C-alpha atoms as a PDB file:
ATOM      1  CA  UNK A   1      -6.286 -11.206  25.443  1.00  0.00           C
ATOM      2  CA  UNK A   2      -6.403 -12.752  21.824  1.00  0.00           C
ATOM      3  CA  UNK A   3      -3.144 -13.289  20.048  1.00  0.00           C
ATOM      4  CA  UNK A   4      -3.925 -10.242  17.616  1.00  0.00           C
ATOM      5  CA  UNK A   5      -4.314  -8.113  20.902  1.00  0.00           C
ATOM      6  CA  UNK A   6      -1.229  -9.601  22.241  1.00  0.00           C
ATOM      7  CA  UNK A   7       0.637  -8.698  18.964  1.00  0.00           C
ATOM      8  CA  UNK A   8      -0.623  -5.414  18.765  1.00  0.00           C
ATOM      9  CA  UNK A   9       0.277  -4.665  22.671  1.00  0.00           C
ATOM     10  CA  UNK A  10       3.889  -5.875  21.449  1.00  0.00           C
ATOM     11  CA  UNK A  11       3.812  -3.415  18.631  1.00  0.00           C
ATOM     12  CA  UNK A  12       2.379  -0.439  20.694  1.00  0.00           C
ATOM     13  CA  UNK A  13       5.148  -1.390  23.475  1.00  0.00           C
ATOM     14  CA  UNK A  14       7.668  -1.420  20.748  1.00  0.00           C
ATOM     15  CA  UNK A  15       6.605   2.100  19.040  1.00  0.00           C
ATOM     16  CA  UNK A  16       6.760   4.285  22.344  1.00  0.00           C
ATOM     17  CA  UNK A  17       9.350   2.434  23.213  1.00  0.00           C
ATOM     18  CA  UNK A  18      11.355   4.623  20.049  1.00  0.00           C
ATOM     19  CA  UNK A  19       9.091   7.430  20.985  1.00  0.00           C
ATOM     20  CA  UNK A  20       6.975   7.352  17.617  1.00  0.00           C
ATOM     21  CA  UNK A  21       3.676   8.391  17.023  1.00  0.00           C
ATOM     22  CA  UNK A  22       1.775   6.035  15.154  1.00  0.00           C
ATOM     23  CA  UNK A  23       2.054   8.462  12.009  1.00  0.00           C
ATOM     24  CA  UNK A  24       5.534   8.341  12.407  1.00  0.00           C
ATOM     25  CA  UNK A  25       5.261   4.651  12.497  1.00  0.00           C
ATOM     26  CA  UNK A  26       2.974   4.632   9.758  1.00  0.00           C
ATOM     27  CA  UNK A  27       5.655   6.816   7.471  1.00  0.00           C
ATOM     28  CA  UNK A  28       8.160   4.755   8.144  1.00  0.00           C
ATOM     29  CA  UNK A  29       6.719   1.924   6.511  1.00  0.00           C
ATOM     30  CA  UNK A  30       4.804   3.715   3.772  1.00  0.00           C
ATOM     31  CA  UNK A  31       1.695   3.247   5.162  1.00  0.00           C
ATOM     32  CA  UNK A  32      -1.711   4.916   6.714  1.00  0.00           C
ATOM     33  CA  UNK A  33      -1.887   5.437  10.510  1.00  0.00           C
ATOM     34  CA  UNK A  34      -5.120   3.553  10.193  1.00  0.00           C
ATOM     35  CA  UNK A  35      -3.315   0.508   9.206  1.00  0.00           C
ATOM     36  CA  UNK A  36      -1.000   1.089  12.657  1.00  0.00           C
ATOM     37  CA  UNK A  37      -3.746   1.359  14.862  1.00  0.00           C
ATOM     38  CA  UNK A  38      -5.529  -1.448  13.624  1.00  0.00           C
ATOM     39  CA  UNK A  39      -2.650  -3.802  14.291  1.00  0.00           C
ATOM     40  CA  UNK A  40      -2.244  -2.120  17.665  1.00  0.00           C
ATOM     41  CA  UNK A  41      -5.982  -2.605  18.934  1.00  0.00           C
ATOM     42  CA  UNK A  42      -6.011  -6.245  17.185  1.00  0.00           C
ATOM     43  CA  UNK A  43      -8.365  -5.592  14.691  1.00  0.00           C
ATOM     44  CA  UNK A  44      -5.922  -6.798  11.498  1.00  0.00           C
ATOM     45  CA  UNK A  45      -2.753  -8.591  11.738  1.00  0.00           C
ATOM     46  CA  UNK A  46       0.527  -7.637   9.670  1.00  0.00           C
ATOM     47  CA  UNK A  47       1.234 -10.878   6.980  1.00  0.00           C
ATOM     48  CA  UNK A  48       4.600 -12.178   6.605  1.00  0.00           C
ATOM     49  CA  UNK A  49       6.255  -9.930   4.276  1.00  0.00           C
ATOM     50  CA  UNK A  50       4.807  -6.540   6.375  1.00  0.00           C
ATOM     51  CA  UNK A  51       6.039  -8.279   9.859  1.00  0.00           C
ATOM     52  CA  UNK A  52       9.519  -8.349   8.281  1.00  0.00           C
ATOM     53  CA  UNK A  53       8.890  -4.554   7.500  1.00  0.00           C
ATOM     54  CA  UNK A  54       7.129  -3.693  10.796  1.00  0.00           C
ATOM     55  CA  UNK A  55      10.396  -5.716  12.330  1.00  0.00           C
ATOM     56  CA  UNK A  56      13.162  -3.467  10.304  1.00  0.00           C
ATOM     57  CA  UNK A  57      10.842   0.067  11.260  1.00  0.00           C
ATOM     58  CA  UNK A  58      11.133  -0.779  15.245  1.00  0.00           C
ATOM     59  CA  UNK A  59      14.556  -2.340  15.039  1.00  0.00           C
ATOM     60  CA  UNK A  60      13.896  -5.953  16.617  1.00  0.00           C
ATOM     61  CA  UNK A  61      14.341  -9.080  15.481  1.00  0.00           C
ATOM     62  CA  UNK A  62      11.389 -10.327  13.769  1.00  0.00           C
ATOM     63  CA  UNK A  63      11.069 -13.156  15.815  1.00  0.00           C
ATOM     64  CA  UNK A  64      10.031 -10.691  18.573  1.00  0.00           C
ATOM     65  CA  UNK A  65       6.860 -10.131  16.741  1.00  0.00           C
ATOM     66  CA  UNK A  66       6.601 -13.710  15.495  1.00  0.00           C
ATOM     67  CA  UNK A  67       6.419 -14.572  19.545  1.00  0.00           C
ATOM     68  CA  UNK A  68       4.071 -12.053  20.297  1.00  0.00           C
ATOM     69  CA  UNK A  69       1.755 -13.335  17.537  1.00  0.00           C
ATOM     70  CA  UNK A  70       1.893 -16.747  18.036  1.00  0.00           C
ATOM     71  CA  UNK A  71      -0.114 -18.799  16.082  1.00  0.00           C
ATOM     72  CA  UNK A  72      -2.455 -16.293  14.917  1.00  0.00           C
ATOM     73  CA  UNK A  73      -3.416 -16.835  11.192  1.00  0.00           C
ATOM     74  CA  UNK A  74      -4.078 -13.762   8.676  1.00  0.00           C
ATOM     75  CA  UNK A  75      -7.651 -12.450   9.709  1.00  0.00           C
ATOM     76  CA  UNK A  76      -8.909 -10.804   6.667  1.00  0.00           C
ATOM     77  CA  UNK A  77      -7.618 -12.798   3.515  1.00  0.00           C
ATOM     78  CA  UNK A  78     -10.398 -11.543   1.647  1.00  0.00           C
ATOM     79  CA  UNK A  79      -9.644  -7.968   2.456  1.00  0.00           C
ATOM     80  CA  UNK A  80      -8.738  -5.477  -0.659  1.00  0.00           C
ATOM     81  CA  UNK A  81      -6.019  -3.613  -0.799  1.00  0.00           C
ATOM     82  CA  UNK A  82      -4.383  -0.609  -2.951  1.00  0.00           C
ATOM     83  CA  UNK A  83      -0.728  -0.194  -3.353  1.00  0.00           C
ATOM     84  CA  UNK A  84       1.305   2.650  -4.217  1.00  0.00           C
ATOM     85  CA  UNK A  85       5.110   2.204  -5.898  1.00  0.00           C
ATOM     86  CA  UNK A  86       7.435   5.117  -6.292  1.00  0.00           C
ATOM     87  CA  UNK A  87      11.479   4.970  -5.411  1.00  0.00           C
ATOM     88  CA  UNK A  88      11.487   8.555  -3.665  1.00  0.00           C
ATOM     89  CA  UNK A  89      10.484   7.933  -0.318  1.00  0.00           C
ATOM     90  CA  UNK A  90       9.198  12.261   0.536  1.00  0.00           C
ATOM     91  CA  UNK A  91       7.078  11.297  -2.826  1.00  0.00           C
ATOM     92  CA  UNK A  92       5.592   8.233  -1.674  1.00  0.00           C
ATOM     93  CA  UNK A  93       4.869   9.509   1.706  1.00  0.00           C
ATOM     94  CA  UNK A  94       2.860  11.937   0.250  1.00  0.00           C
ATOM     95  CA  UNK A  95       1.132   9.885  -2.186  1.00  0.00           C
ATOM     96  CA  UNK A  96      -0.043   7.710   0.624  1.00  0.00           C
ATOM     97  CA  UNK A  97      -1.145  10.502   2.670  1.00  0.00           C
ATOM     98  CA  UNK A  98      -2.941  11.627  -0.134  1.00  0.00           C
ATOM     99  CA  UNK A  99      -4.826   8.373  -1.229  1.00  0.00           C
ATOM    100  CA  UNK A 100      -5.593   8.118   2.781  1.00  0.00           C
ATOM    101  CA  UNK A 101      -7.496  11.641   2.900  1.00  0.00           C
ATOM    102  CA  UNK A 102      -9.243  10.716  -0.660  1.00  0.00           C
ATOM    103  CA  UNK A 103      -9.914   7.082   0.520  1.00  0.00           C
ATOM    104  CA  UNK A 104      -9.894   6.734   4.581  1.00  0.00           C
ATOM    105  CA  UNK A 105     -11.672   3.370   4.069  1.00  0.00           C
ATOM    106  CA  UNK A 106      -9.307   2.125   2.228  1.00  0.00           C
ATOM    107  CA  UNK A 107      -6.011  -0.222   3.136  1.00  0.00           C
ATOM    108  CA  UNK A 108      -3.325   1.634   1.617  1.00  0.00           C
ATOM    109  CA  UNK A 109       0.009   0.165   1.398  1.00  0.00           C
ATOM    110  CA  UNK A 110       3.319   2.469  -0.066  1.00  0.00           C
ATOM    111  CA  UNK A 111       6.521   0.296  -1.286  1.00  0.00           C
ATOM    112  CA  UNK A 112       9.988   1.450  -2.963  1.00  0.00           C
ATOM    113  CA  UNK A 113      11.011  -1.382  -4.109  1.00  0.00           C
ATOM    114  CA  UNK A 114       9.045  -3.518  -6.938  1.00  0.00           C
ATOM    115  CA  UNK A 115       9.859  -7.053  -5.894  1.00  0.00           C
ATOM    116  CA  UNK A 116       8.340  -5.738  -1.961  1.00  0.00           C
ATOM    117  CA  UNK A 117       5.159  -4.667  -3.985  1.00  0.00           C
ATOM    118  CA  UNK A 118       5.420  -8.487  -5.998  1.00  0.00           C
ATOM    119  CA  UNK A 119       5.767 -10.282  -2.845  1.00  0.00           C
ATOM    120  CA  UNK A 120       2.849  -8.298  -1.089  1.00  0.00           C
ATOM    121  CA  UNK A 121       0.338  -8.916  -4.286  1.00  0.00           C
ATOM    122  CA  UNK A 122       1.091 -12.593  -4.065  1.00  0.00           C
ATOM    123  CA  UNK A 123      -0.527 -12.639  -0.225  1.00  0.00           C
ATOM    124  CA  UNK A 124      -2.845 -10.394  -0.398  1.00  0.00           C
ATOM    125  CA  UNK A 125      -5.731  -9.085  -2.792  1.00  0.00           C
ATOM    126  CA  UNK A 126      -4.438  -5.993  -4.367  1.00  0.00           C
ATOM    127  CA  UNK A 127      -7.118  -4.198  -6.814  1.00  0.00           C
ATOM    128  CA  UNK A 128      -5.519  -1.041  -7.982  1.00  0.00           C
ATOM    129  CA  UNK A 129      -2.066  -0.400  -7.895  1.00  0.00           C
ATOM    130  CA  UNK A 130      -0.601   3.247  -8.745  1.00  0.00           C
ATOM    131  CA  UNK A 131       3.047   3.068 -10.101  1.00  0.00           C
ATOM    132  CA  UNK A 132       5.663   5.330 -10.827  1.00  0.00           C
ATOM    133  CA  UNK A 133       7.365   4.004 -14.373  1.00  0.00           C
ATOM    134  CA  UNK A 134      10.719   5.186 -13.835  1.00  0.00           C
ATOM    135  CA  UNK A 135      11.876   2.893 -10.565  1.00  0.00           C
ATOM    136  CA  UNK A 136      15.578   3.491 -10.533  1.00  0.00           C
ATOM    137  CA  UNK A 137      18.461   0.963 -11.259  1.00  0.00           C
ATOM    138  CA  UNK A 138      16.760  -0.318 -14.530  1.00  0.00           C
ATOM    139  CA  UNK A 139      13.635  -1.279 -13.155  1.00  0.00           C
ATOM    140  CA  UNK A 140      10.375  -0.330 -15.169  1.00  0.00           C
ATOM    141  CA  UNK A 141       7.155   0.263 -13.691  1.00  0.00           C
ATOM    142  CA  UNK A 142       5.908  -1.252 -16.745  1.00  0.00           C
ATOM    143  CA  UNK A 143       8.076  -4.330 -15.816  1.00  0.00           C
ATOM    144  CA  UNK A 144       6.246  -4.229 -12.591  1.00  0.00           C
ATOM    145  CA  UNK A 145       2.626  -3.944 -13.715  1.00  0.00           C
ATOM    146  CA  UNK A 146       3.746  -6.968 -15.933  1.00  0.00           C
ATOM    147  CA  UNK A 147       4.625  -9.053 -13.071  1.00  0.00           C
ATOM    148  CA  UNK A 148       1.225  -7.786 -10.609  1.00  0.00           C
ATOM    149  CA  UNK A 149      -1.085  -8.653 -13.821  1.00  0.00           C
ATOM    150  CA  UNK A 150       0.382 -12.021 -13.603  1.00  0.00           C
ATOM    151  CA  UNK A 151      -0.314 -12.397 -10.265  1.00  0.00           C
ATOM    152  CA  UNK A 152      -3.600 -10.903 -10.573  1.00  0.00           C
ATOM    153  CA  UNK A 153      -4.992 -10.698 -13.849  1.00  0.00           C
ATOM    154  CA  UNK A 154      -7.588  -8.427 -13.182  1.00  0.00           C
ATOM    155  CA  UNK A 155      -5.597  -5.550 -11.254  1.00  0.00           C
ATOM    156  CA  UNK A 156      -6.100  -1.930 -12.039  1.00  0.00           C
ATOM    157  CA  UNK A 157      -3.024  -0.335 -13.138  1.00  0.00           C
ATOM    158  CA  UNK A 158      -2.732   3.584 -12.669  1.00  0.00           C
ATOM    159  CA  UNK A 159       0.848   4.866 -13.662  1.00  0.00           C
ATOM    160  CA  UNK A 160       1.637   8.031 -12.073  1.00  0.00           C
ATOM    161  CA  UNK A 161       4.858   9.766 -13.643  1.00  0.00           C
ATOM    162  CA  UNK A 162       6.973  12.326 -15.030  1.00  0.00           C
ATOM    163  CA  UNK A 163       7.625  10.613 -18.279  1.00  0.00           C
ATOM    164  CA  UNK A 164       5.595  11.053 -21.109  1.00  0.00           C
ATOM    165  CA  UNK A 165       7.334   8.628 -23.260  1.00  0.00           C
ATOM    166  CA  UNK A 166       5.950   5.508 -21.511  1.00  0.00           C
ATOM    167  CA  UNK A 167       2.553   5.842 -22.804  1.00  0.00           C
ATOM    168  CA  UNK A 168       2.292   3.722 -25.053  1.00  0.00           C
ATOM    169  CA  UNK A 169       3.494   1.013 -23.227  1.00  0.00           C
ATOM    170  CA  UNK A 170       1.130   1.785 -20.750  1.00  0.00           C
ATOM    171  CA  UNK A 171      -1.877   1.668 -23.216  1.00  0.00           C
ATOM    172  CA  UNK A 172      -0.659  -1.925 -24.586  1.00  0.00           C
ATOM    173  CA  UNK A 173      -0.500  -3.384 -21.254  1.00  0.00           C
ATOM    174  CA  UNK A 174      -4.706  -1.967 -21.089  1.00  0.00           C
ATOM    175  CA  UNK A 175      -3.639  -0.119 -17.734  1.00  0.00           C
ATOM    176  CA  UNK A 176      -6.493   1.706 -16.091  1.00  0.00           C
ATOM    177  CA  UNK A 177      -4.761   5.247 -16.377  1.00  0.00           C
ATOM    178  CA  UNK A 178      -1.834   7.564 -17.258  1.00  0.00           C
ATOM    179  CA  UNK A 179      -1.451  10.512 -14.689  1.00  0.00           C
ATOM    180  CA  UNK A 180       1.034  13.233 -14.911  1.00  0.00           C
ATOM    181  CA  UNK A 181       2.475  14.622 -11.508  1.00  0.00           C
ATOM    182  CA  UNK A 182       1.801  16.068  -9.290  1.00  0.00           C
ATOM    183  CA  UNK A 183      -1.247  13.459  -8.229  1.00  0.00           C
ATOM    184  CA  UNK A 184      -4.091  15.301  -6.324  1.00  0.00           C
ATOM    185  CA  UNK A 185      -6.882  13.985  -4.646  1.00  0.00           C
ATOM    186  CA  UNK A 186      -8.860  14.681  -7.445  1.00  0.00           C
ATOM    187  CA  UNK A 187      -6.782  12.776  -9.695  1.00  0.00           C
ATOM    188  CA  UNK A 188      -7.191   9.849  -7.802  1.00  0.00           C
ATOM    189  CA  UNK A 189     -11.185   9.829  -7.835  1.00  0.00           C
ATOM    190  CA  UNK A 190     -10.848  10.650 -11.492  1.00  0.00           C
ATOM    191  CA  UNK A 191      -8.822   7.465 -12.184  1.00  0.00           C
ATOM    192  CA  UNK A 192     -10.897   5.633  -9.684  1.00  0.00           C
ATOM    193  CA  UNK A 193     -14.129   6.370 -11.372  1.00  0.00           C
ATOM    194  CA  UNK A 194     -12.478   4.730 -14.664  1.00  0.00           C
ATOM    195  CA  UNK A 195     -11.309   2.104 -13.562  1.00  0.00           C
ATOM    196  CA  UNK A 196     -10.745  -1.171 -16.466  1.00  0.00           C
ATOM    197  CA  UNK A 197     -12.141  -3.390 -13.578  1.00  0.00           C
ATOM    198  CA  UNK A 198     -14.151  -1.559 -11.357  1.00  0.00           C
ATOM    199  CA  UNK A 199     -14.225  -2.295  -7.644  1.00  0.00           C
ATOM    200  CA  UNK A 200     -17.341  -1.807  -5.098  1.00  0.00           C
ATOM    201  CA  UNK A 201     -17.059   1.216  -3.761  1.00  0.00           C
ATOM    202  CA  UNK A 202     -14.148   3.170  -5.329  1.00  0.00           C
ATOM    203  CA  UNK A 203     -14.788   5.913  -5.557  1.00  0.00           C
ATOM    204  CA  UNK A 204     -17.045   6.205  -2.282  1.00  0.00           C
ATOM    205  CA  UNK A 205     -20.406   6.749  -2.833  1.00  0.00           C
ATOM    206  CA  UNK A 206     -20.311   9.650  -0.058  1.00  0.00           C
ATOM    207  CA  UNK A 207     -19.075  12.384  -1.630  1.00  0.00           C
ATOM    208  CA  UNK A 208     -15.294  13.770  -3.569  1.00  0.00           C
ATOM    209  CA  UNK A 209     -12.548  15.161  -2.300  1.00  0.00           C
ATOM    210  CA  UNK A 210     -12.560  18.936  -0.731  1.00  0.00           C
ATOM    211  CA  UNK A 211     -11.411  21.410  -3.283  1.00  0.00           C
END
């Protein structure tokens, strides 16, 4: 058994011990069920930040996972990721599920706090970021966008919001899109079709979301 498989086995054991389905664990972490499945079968390995979040969701010390992980290194440093940032957990969960339905082959991650999103972007290649403009506690999605663009100058920023007054700031940032809520699969495909920095395979060539 490889170190990745050993870690996956431990994640599965802890999840089942807490009587959680893969989807329930995914919802707790604001990621896709496919991401949890990939961890458990050893196809992918969580990075350091994700490991901390995973330990919190499973209510264990991170060392429990690190010991299972042993010395394995991140196996997919060049993988691309799509992130979603919104302070409302219910909205965030719905957003992640919508994007999963529209983009079943992509790695999609949800964050409630901008600092978590920035930390993730520092160690992962983020190609598209969907973010709310008002992230609470005087935290702005516009400021988050600036931070993400400093880390990755060619990241595609799409604002998804109830606040039209931020549109000018988004335009000045050269954002890829500015969409009013509610978000739908059709709107996702529309935005992915006109990214400022096109990403190969986005949107998928195989079809459009079902209506």
